[in-house]
Amino acid sequence: MAPSVRLSPSTRSLFDEPLAIAVQGLGPRQPVTLRTSLRDETGELFQACARYQAGDDGELDLARCPALPGGSFSGLEPMGLLWALQPQKPFWYMVKKDVQHPFLLQLEVFDGHGDPPGQLLAQAQHERAFLRDGVRRVPVREGRIRATLFLPPGNGPFPGIIDLYGTGGGLPEYRACLLANHGFAVLALAFYGYEDLPKEMKEFHLEYFEEAVNYMLQHTEVKGPGIGLLGISKGGDLCISMASFLKGITATALINGSVANVGAVLRYKDITIPPLGINAKRIKVNKSGIADIVDVLNNPLEGPDSQSFIPLEKAECRFLFIVGQDDRNWKSEFFAVEGSKRLQAHGKEKPEIVCYPGAGHYIEPPFFPMCAASMHLLVGKPVVWGGEPKAHCEAQIDAWQQIQAFFRKHLTGKPSGTSSKL
């Protein structure tokens, strides 16, 4: 019997779902190297490889066989060939721009543990999709709003969430879309660097975000009485500002967010919150020319910088802080703890804080490869984001569950652990 790759699901899976990988038809205890390849939409190549030994029966099941040293990872890692994917171009970051088309994953099996690899024994292709069948993708251009709404299959109304990314700008849709697959109505909201929105991060007006909140609250497919907010990085402090000043927000989840306003002036009616001060002298640059910016921001508890602390005690919602304890972008754990102290000092409910040792700044949906370093638009050079690949991957899987459980609990009143089909 010729060697063949067996995948489950066989031809297509959602990007945040596990993929079972096995090889059959090998010789007893035959040494092989498995390699995965994926090209992003710009054509950049991501690869991972691992060394294995087949069982006595010539079967190799990654759920039962540990990878041997010498590849991208070792040990029992059934999804290692996905989370260990690394760009062949330095400082490149995997993003998904067009969620309507899947990523194509190539899997190859080579004889032996040589470098370069030996004879090609078997190969397979698999689609990693972002949009579940029946999920509706609706571009939104109402008033000033520039966004995309994702609605789950079936009849609503569904619990509603606004999803914000960080300083990269544009309109990333992939997290919103993956979340909609799980039964939420999710609005991916652009706030700069997109179409006719401001080109640069100089100042933001909360009235724009208020328009988006009202759009969701009035939407017939969105279940009231309130909505959720989800933000990462700069998107996190924008979510805290929205929760603090705007009505109709029930639950706010932050992934490595700041409790101080960062990077741009924030205005709402007659209120102005200045950005937290920075000191560029605190940037450390290593021998490879990569910057570590973790100490650049001033302390929002001291002096004039305290004006940048967002008054989150005004919020009428529940908070969840997701924290990567190896975040090198800024001190996410410090921000979460100070936010918690401030809420409790004002008689508000203590927020949920979930900390992940070994996780860096960009905690993405499950199975996105960890980005250790990439270009930072505001710094103008590559910066280190922190994280250790295996721990970061595990954090992404758990955080994804925590976020869904948090929104399910506070937006539907259903405890977590009930059906994932809301």
Protein backbone atom coordinates (compact mmCIF):
# COMPACT_ATOMS: atom_id res chain seq x y z
CA MET A 1 0.00 0.00 0.00
CA ALA A 2 1.45 3.38 -1.00
CA PRO A 3 1.74 5.98 1.77
CA SER A 4 -1.17 8.44 1.98
CA VAL A 5 -2.21 11.38 4.14
CA ARG A 6 -5.49 11.12 6.06
CA LEU A 7 -7.04 14.39 7.27
CA SER A 8 -10.16 14.89 9.37
CA PRO A 9 -12.18 16.86 8.34
CA SER A 10 -10.94 15.57 4.97
CA THR A 11 -10.98 18.54 2.59
CA ARG A 12 -12.07 21.68 4.44
CA SER A 13 -12.20 22.98 8.02
CA LEU A 14 -12.74 26.29 9.72
CA PHE A 15 -9.52 28.09 10.62
CA ASP A 16 -10.22 28.00 14.37
CA GLU A 17 -11.04 24.25 14.34
CA PRO A 18 -8.55 21.47 15.03
CA LEU A 19 -7.39 19.35 12.10
CA ALA A 20 -6.52 15.70 12.67
CA ILE A 21 -3.48 14.57 10.64
CA ALA A 22 -2.36 10.98 10.06
CA VAL A 23 -0.21 9.11 7.52
CA GLN A 24 -0.87 5.48 6.60
CA GLY A 25 0.96 2.93 4.45
CA LEU A 26 4.48 3.62 5.78
CA GLY A 27 7.01 0.93 6.65
CA PRO A 28 7.25 -0.27 10.28
CA ARG A 29 9.05 2.42 12.35
CA GLN A 30 9.91 4.31 9.15
CA PRO A 31 11.45 7.75 9.80
CA VAL A 32 9.64 10.55 7.93
CA THR A 33 9.54 14.33 7.81
CA LEU A 34 6.18 16.13 7.52
CA ARG A 35 6.07 19.63 6.08
CA THR A 36 3.19 22.11 5.87
CA SER A 37 3.17 25.12 3.55
CA LEU A 38 0.71 27.99 3.19
CA ARG A 39 0.87 31.12 1.05
CA ASP A 40 -0.89 34.23 2.28
CA GLU A 41 -2.75 36.57 -0.07
CA THR A 42 0.41 38.51 -0.88
CA GLY A 43 2.11 35.27 -1.96
CA GLU A 44 4.43 35.10 1.07
CA LEU A 45 5.26 31.53 2.11
CA PHE A 46 4.78 30.13 5.63
CA GLN A 47 6.25 26.71 6.47
CA ALA A 48 6.65 24.28 9.34
CA CYS A 49 8.20 20.81 9.47
CA ALA A 50 8.47 18.00 11.99
CA ARG A 51 10.30 14.68 12.22
CA TYR A 52 8.40 11.52 13.09
CA GLN A 53 8.76 7.75 13.23
CA ALA A 54 5.86 5.54 12.12
CA GLY A 55 4.47 2.89 14.46
CA ASP A 56 5.16 -0.83 14.14
CA ASP A 57 2.07 -1.05 11.89
CA GLY A 58 3.33 1.70 9.52
CA GLU A 59 0.71 4.15 10.86
CA LEU A 60 1.56 7.68 12.01
CA ASP A 61 -1.15 9.54 13.91
CA LEU A 62 -0.06 12.99 15.12
CA ALA A 63 -2.55 12.75 18.02
CA ARG A 64 -0.58 9.79 19.39
CA CYS A 65 2.96 10.12 18.03
CA PRO A 66 5.34 12.71 19.45
CA ALA A 67 7.49 14.72 17.04
CA LEU A 68 11.22 14.02 17.39
CA PRO A 69 13.77 16.81 17.96
CA GLY A 70 15.12 18.63 14.92
CA GLY A 71 12.01 20.17 13.37
CA SER A 72 9.88 23.26 14.06
CA PHE A 73 8.67 21.65 17.32
CA SER A 74 8.96 18.39 19.24
CA GLY A 75 6.74 16.35 21.54
CA LEU A 76 3.08 15.41 21.22
CA GLU A 77 1.61 18.33 19.25
CA PRO A 78 -1.33 17.24 17.06
CA MET A 79 -1.69 20.81 15.68
CA GLY A 80 2.01 21.70 15.70
CA LEU A 81 2.25 21.73 11.91
CA LEU A 82 -0.27 24.59 11.90
CA TRP A 83 0.68 26.74 14.88
CA ALA A 84 4.41 26.44 14.12
CA LEU A 85 4.07 27.88 10.59
CA GLN A 86 6.64 30.64 10.17
CA PRO A 87 7.07 33.21 7.39
CA GLN A 88 10.05 32.72 5.11
CA LYS A 89 10.28 36.52 4.89
CA PRO A 90 11.48 38.17 8.13
CA PHE A 91 9.05 40.29 10.18
CA TRP A 92 6.04 39.12 8.18
CA TYR A 93 2.70 38.70 9.86
CA MET A 94 -0.10 36.37 8.75
CA VAL A 95 -3.34 38.24 8.18
CA LYS A 96 -6.42 37.28 6.22
CA LYS A 97 -7.83 40.05 4.07
CA ASP A 98 -10.48 38.23 2.03
CA VAL A 99 -12.48 36.00 4.37
CA GLN A 100 -14.60 34.69 1.50
CA HIS A 101 -11.72 32.54 0.22
CA PRO A 102 -9.93 29.94 2.35
CA PHE A 103 -6.21 29.56 2.89
CA LEU A 104 -4.85 26.51 1.08
CA LEU A 105 -2.68 24.29 3.27
CA GLN A 106 -0.23 21.90 1.57
CA LEU A 107 1.01 18.87 3.49
CA GLU A 108 3.95 16.76 2.29
CA VAL A 109 5.50 13.57 3.66
CA PHE A 110 9.20 12.95 2.93
CA ASP A 111 11.30 9.87 3.57
CA GLY A 112 13.85 10.11 6.39
CA HIS A 113 15.04 13.04 8.50
CA GLY A 114 17.49 14.56 6.05
CA ASP A 115 18.05 18.19 5.26
CA PRO A 116 17.24 18.72 2.42
CA PRO A 117 14.30 16.29 2.73
CA GLY A 118 14.38 12.87 1.09
CA GLN A 119 11.97 11.41 -1.47
CA LEU A 120 8.39 12.75 -1.49
CA LEU A 121 6.16 9.87 -0.34
CA ALA A 122 2.70 11.47 -0.14
CA GLN A 123 0.98 14.84 -0.21
CA ALA A 124 -2.42 16.40 0.43
CA GLN A 125 -4.16 19.76 0.22
CA HIS A 126 -6.65 21.17 2.69
CA GLU A 127 -8.74 24.34 2.79
CA ARG A 128 -8.73 26.36 6.02
CA ALA A 129 -11.91 28.44 5.70
CA PHE A 130 -13.10 31.52 7.58
CA LEU A 131 -16.76 31.67 6.63
CA ARG A 132 -19.10 28.88 7.73
CA ASP A 133 -21.78 28.00 5.17
CA GLY A 134 -24.77 30.27 5.68
CA VAL A 135 -22.95 33.10 7.46
CA ARG A 136 -23.89 36.38 5.77
CA ARG A 137 -21.26 39.04 5.07
CA VAL A 138 -22.85 42.50 4.80
CA PRO A 139 -20.71 45.56 3.90
CA VAL A 140 -21.96 48.54 5.95
CA ARG A 141 -21.75 52.11 4.61
CA GLU A 142 -24.35 53.96 6.67
CA GLY A 143 -23.68 57.56 7.65
CA ARG A 144 -19.98 57.67 8.49
CA ILE A 145 -19.76 53.99 9.42
CA ARG A 146 -17.25 51.92 7.43
CA ALA A 147 -17.66 48.33 8.54
CA THR A 148 -18.64 44.77 7.69
CA LEU A 149 -21.42 42.96 9.54
CA PHE A 150 -21.35 39.17 9.85
CA LEU A 151 -24.64 37.45 10.64
CA PRO A 152 -24.91 33.76 11.60
CA PRO A 153 -27.12 31.37 9.66
CA GLY A 154 -30.74 31.03 10.69
CA ASN A 155 -33.24 33.43 12.21
CA GLY A 156 -32.03 36.06 14.64
CA PRO A 157 -31.91 38.06 16.67
CA PHE A 158 -28.34 37.20 17.70
CA PRO A 159 -26.16 38.64 20.48
CA GLY A 160 -24.26 41.58 18.92
CA ILE A 161 -20.57 42.49 19.18
CA ILE A 162 -18.44 45.30 17.71
CA ASP A 163 -14.90 44.12 16.93
CA LEU A 164 -11.92 46.51 16.81
CA TYR A 165 -8.30 45.91 15.80
CA GLY A 166 -5.27 48.08 16.57
CA THR A 167 -2.78 50.49 15.01
CA GLY A 168 -2.65 48.57 11.72
CA GLY A 169 -5.78 50.41 10.57
CA GLY A 170 -7.89 49.18 7.67
CA LEU A 171 -10.79 46.77 8.11
CA PRO A 172 -9.66 43.34 9.35
CA GLU A 173 -12.65 40.99 9.15
CA TYR A 174 -11.24 37.59 10.04
CA ARG A 175 -11.86 37.60 13.80
CA ALA A 176 -15.37 39.03 13.44
CA CYS A 177 -16.17 36.45 10.79
CA LEU A 178 -14.85 33.50 12.85
CA LEU A 179 -16.86 34.74 15.85
CA ALA A 180 -20.02 34.95 13.74
CA ASN A 181 -19.55 31.25 12.91
CA HIS A 182 -20.26 30.64 16.62
CA GLY A 183 -23.63 32.41 16.65
CA PHE A 184 -22.83 36.10 17.22
CA ALA A 185 -23.75 39.07 15.02
CA VAL A 186 -20.37 40.80 14.72
CA LEU A 187 -19.57 44.20 13.25
CA ALA A 188 -15.92 44.53 12.16
CA LEU A 189 -15.44 48.31 12.44
CA ALA A 190 -12.75 50.33 10.64
CA PHE A 191 -11.69 53.55 12.39
CA TYR A 192 -8.76 54.85 10.36
CA GLY A 193 -6.64 54.07 7.31
CA TYR A 194 -9.65 52.88 5.32
CA GLU A 195 -11.60 54.45 2.46
CA ASP A 196 -12.61 58.01 3.48
CA LEU A 197 -11.74 57.60 7.19
CA PRO A 198 -8.77 59.56 8.60
CA LYS A 199 -5.46 58.44 7.06
CA GLU A 200 -3.49 58.77 10.30
CA MET A 201 -3.96 58.13 13.99
CA LYS A 202 -4.05 61.73 15.25
CA GLU A 203 -7.42 62.08 16.91
CA PHE A 204 -10.54 59.99 17.25
CA HIS A 205 -14.07 61.19 17.86
CA LEU A 206 -16.20 58.88 19.95
CA GLU A 207 -19.29 60.08 18.06
CA TYR A 208 -18.15 57.88 15.15
CA PHE A 209 -18.08 54.82 17.41
CA GLU A 210 -21.42 55.87 18.92
CA GLU A 211 -22.93 55.74 15.43
CA ALA A 212 -21.74 52.14 15.13
CA VAL A 213 -23.16 51.23 18.57
CA ASN A 214 -26.54 52.73 17.62
CA TYR A 215 -26.48 50.91 14.28
CA MET A 216 -26.10 47.60 16.13
CA LEU A 217 -28.69 48.44 18.82
CA GLN A 218 -31.27 49.29 16.14
CA HIS A 219 -30.53 46.31 13.89
CA THR A 220 -33.42 43.86 13.70
CA GLU A 221 -31.03 40.88 13.70
CA VAL A 222 -29.24 42.03 16.88
CA LYS A 223 -30.62 40.88 20.22
CA GLY A 224 -30.81 43.67 22.79
CA PRO A 225 -30.93 45.33 25.14
CA GLY A 226 -27.14 45.84 24.95
CA ILE A 227 -24.17 44.76 22.84
CA GLY A 228 -20.63 43.57 23.45
CA LEU A 229 -17.29 45.11 22.50
CA LEU A 230 -14.11 43.21 21.62
CA GLY A 231 -10.81 44.99 21.06
CA ILE A 232 -7.13 44.10 20.81
CA SER A 233 -4.22 46.50 21.44
CA LYS A 234 -5.28 50.07 20.50
CA GLY A 235 -8.74 48.65 19.80
CA GLY A 236 -8.83 47.69 23.48
CA ASP A 237 -8.54 51.23 24.87
CA LEU A 238 -11.05 52.44 22.28
CA CYS A 239 -13.47 49.79 23.59
CA ILE A 240 -12.90 50.95 27.17
CA SER A 241 -13.59 54.56 26.08
CA MET A 242 -16.79 53.45 24.32
CA ALA A 243 -17.92 51.50 27.38
CA SER A 244 -17.16 54.48 29.65
CA PHE A 245 -19.05 57.13 27.70
CA LEU A 246 -21.62 55.45 25.46
CA LYS A 247 -24.94 53.80 26.33
CA GLY A 248 -26.08 50.32 25.34
CA ILE A 249 -22.90 48.35 26.13
CA THR A 250 -23.30 45.25 28.32
CA ALA A 251 -19.97 43.42 28.05
CA THR A 252 -16.46 44.52 27.01
CA ALA A 253 -13.60 42.08 26.32
CA LEU A 254 -10.04 43.36 25.85
CA ILE A 255 -7.08 41.45 24.46
CA ASN A 256 -3.85 43.07 25.70
CA GLY A 257 -5.57 46.45 25.88
CA SER A 258 -4.62 49.61 27.75
CA VAL A 259 -6.73 51.41 30.38
CA ALA A 260 -5.12 54.69 29.32
CA ASN A 261 -5.83 56.43 26.02
CA VAL A 262 -2.86 55.73 23.75
CA GLY A 263 -1.47 57.10 20.49
CA ALA A 264 -4.08 59.72 19.57
CA VAL A 265 -6.28 62.39 21.16
CA LEU A 266 -9.77 61.15 22.02
CA ARG A 267 -12.72 63.56 21.85
CA TYR A 268 -16.36 63.18 22.83
CA LYS A 269 -18.67 66.20 22.99
CA ASP A 270 -16.85 68.59 25.35
CA ILE A 271 -14.49 65.91 26.76
CA THR A 272 -10.88 65.56 25.59
CA ILE A 273 -8.60 62.74 26.74
CA PRO A 274 -4.94 63.28 25.76
CA PRO A 275 -2.79 60.33 24.71
CA LEU A 276 -0.48 58.84 27.32
CA GLY A 277 2.99 60.38 27.14
CA ILE A 278 5.89 58.43 25.69
CA ASN A 279 9.66 58.55 26.03
CA ALA A 280 11.39 57.22 22.91
CA LYS A 281 14.70 57.04 24.85
CA ARG A 282 13.27 53.99 26.59
CA ILE A 283 13.23 51.99 23.32
CA LYS A 284 15.84 49.22 23.47
CA VAL A 285 17.21 47.96 20.14
CA ASN A 286 18.87 44.53 20.05
CA LYS A 287 21.76 43.41 17.84
CA SER A 288 19.38 42.39 15.05
CA GLY A 289 17.93 45.91 14.91
CA ILE A 290 14.60 44.87 16.46
CA ALA A 291 13.11 47.32 18.96
CA ASP A 292 11.71 46.44 22.38
CA ILE A 293 9.13 49.14 23.19
CA VAL A 294 7.62 47.71 26.38
CA ASP A 295 8.91 50.60 28.56
CA VAL A 296 8.10 53.45 26.16
CA LEU A 297 4.76 54.56 27.63
CA ASN A 298 4.65 56.75 30.72
CA ASN A 299 2.88 55.60 33.87
CA PRO A 300 -0.81 56.68 33.74
CA LEU A 301 -0.92 56.82 37.55
CA GLU A 302 1.59 59.67 37.79
CA GLY A 303 1.38 63.43 37.26
CA PRO A 304 -0.18 64.88 34.10
CA ASP A 305 -0.24 61.40 32.51
CA SER A 306 -3.14 60.52 34.84
CA GLN A 307 -5.36 62.62 32.53
CA SER A 308 -4.97 59.83 29.97
CA PHE A 309 -6.48 57.19 32.28
CA ILE A 310 -9.92 56.36 30.82
CA PRO A 311 -12.69 56.76 33.47
CA LEU A 312 -13.84 53.15 33.12
CA GLU A 313 -15.68 53.43 36.44
CA LYS A 314 -18.41 55.24 34.43
CA ALA A 315 -19.06 52.07 32.43
CA GLU A 316 -22.26 50.12 33.05
CA CYS A 317 -20.89 46.85 31.71
CA ARG A 318 -18.90 43.78 32.66
CA PHE A 319 -15.23 43.59 31.69
CA LEU A 320 -12.95 40.72 30.64
CA PHE A 321 -9.20 41.35 30.37
CA ILE A 322 -7.21 38.79 28.34
CA VAL A 323 -3.52 39.27 29.21
CA GLY A 324 -0.37 37.86 27.58
CA GLN A 325 2.19 37.96 30.38
CA ASP A 326 5.04 38.16 27.85
CA ASP A 327 3.45 41.09 25.96
CA ARG A 328 6.38 43.28 24.82
CA ASN A 329 4.20 45.99 23.26
CA TRP A 330 3.13 47.42 26.61
CA LYS A 331 2.38 46.33 30.16
CA SER A 332 -0.99 44.67 29.62
CA GLU A 333 -1.06 42.95 33.01
CA PHE A 334 -0.33 46.23 34.81
CA PHE A 335 -3.15 47.91 32.86
CA ALA A 336 -5.61 45.10 33.70
CA VAL A 337 -4.73 45.18 37.41
CA GLU A 338 -5.00 48.99 37.60
CA GLY A 339 -8.30 48.88 35.74
CA SER A 340 -9.59 46.32 38.23
CA LYS A 341 -8.45 48.44 41.21
CA ARG A 342 -10.17 51.51 39.80
CA LEU A 343 -13.46 49.70 39.15
CA GLN A 344 -13.51 48.22 42.65
CA ALA A 345 -12.55 51.54 44.26
CA HIS A 346 -15.72 52.96 42.70
CA GLY A 347 -17.90 50.10 43.94
CA LYS A 348 -18.05 48.38 40.56
CA GLU A 349 -17.88 44.64 39.99
CA LYS A 350 -14.40 43.16 39.77
CA PRO A 351 -13.54 42.37 36.13
CA GLU A 352 -12.47 38.93 34.96
CA ILE A 353 -8.71 38.87 34.30
CA VAL A 354 -7.28 35.83 32.49
CA CYS A 355 -3.47 35.77 32.34
CA TYR A 356 -1.40 33.59 30.03
CA PRO A 357 2.28 33.04 30.84
CA GLY A 358 4.39 32.79 27.69
CA ALA A 359 1.82 34.59 25.51
CA GLY A 360 2.82 37.71 23.58
CA HIS A 361 0.92 40.76 22.35
CA TYR A 362 -1.03 39.47 19.35
CA ILE A 363 -3.36 36.90 20.84
CA GLU A 364 -5.34 35.97 17.73
CA PRO A 365 -8.02 33.33 17.10
CA PRO A 366 -6.76 29.74 17.44
CA PHE A 367 -4.02 28.38 15.17
CA PHE A 368 -2.78 31.68 13.81
CA PRO A 369 1.03 31.35 13.95
CA MET A 370 2.63 33.51 16.61
CA CYS A 371 4.22 36.67 15.24
CA ALA A 372 7.42 37.20 17.26
CA ALA A 373 8.39 40.48 15.57
CA SER A 374 7.07 42.67 12.76
CA MET A 375 7.03 46.26 11.51
CA HIS A 376 5.30 48.74 13.82
CA LEU A 377 3.61 51.54 11.90
CA LEU A 378 4.16 54.13 14.64
CA VAL A 379 7.74 53.13 15.50
CA GLY A 380 8.86 52.76 11.88
CA LYS A 381 10.98 49.67 12.52
CA PRO A 382 10.40 46.04 13.50
CA VAL A 383 9.43 45.55 17.13
CA VAL A 384 9.36 42.40 19.24
CA TRP A 385 5.83 41.36 20.33
CA GLY A 386 6.82 38.71 22.86
CA GLY A 387 5.57 35.18 23.34
CA GLU A 388 6.81 31.60 23.15
CA PRO A 389 5.15 29.74 20.24
CA LYS A 390 3.66 26.72 22.05
CA ALA A 391 2.43 28.69 25.09
CA HIS A 392 1.11 31.44 22.81
CA CYS A 393 -0.80 28.89 20.71
CA GLU A 394 -2.36 27.35 23.81
CA ALA A 395 -3.33 30.83 25.04
CA GLN A 396 -5.07 31.57 21.74
CA ILE A 397 -7.16 28.39 21.98
CA ASP A 398 -8.19 29.07 25.58
CA ALA A 399 -8.77 32.82 25.15
CA TRP A 400 -11.09 32.14 22.21
CA GLN A 401 -13.24 29.94 24.47
CA GLN A 402 -13.11 32.47 27.33
CA ILE A 403 -14.23 35.31 25.04
CA GLN A 404 -17.17 33.34 23.66
CA ALA A 405 -18.24 32.15 27.13
CA PHE A 406 -18.05 35.73 28.47
CA PHE A 407 -20.23 37.14 25.69
CA ARG A 408 -22.66 34.22 25.84
CA LYS A 409 -23.09 34.73 29.58
CA HIS A 410 -23.58 38.49 29.50
CA LEU A 411 -25.35 38.98 26.16
CA THR A 412 -27.71 36.00 26.21
CA GLY A 413 -28.04 35.14 29.89
CA LYS A 414 -27.09 31.55 29.01
CA PRO A 415 -24.31 30.00 31.08
CA SER A 416 -21.28 28.76 29.19
CA GLY A 417 -21.22 25.07 28.54
CA THR A 418 -24.58 25.18 26.77
CA SER A 419 -24.73 24.55 23.04
CA SER A 420 -22.28 26.53 20.91
CA LYS A 421 -25.23 27.12 18.54
CA LEU A 422 -26.76 30.00 20.44
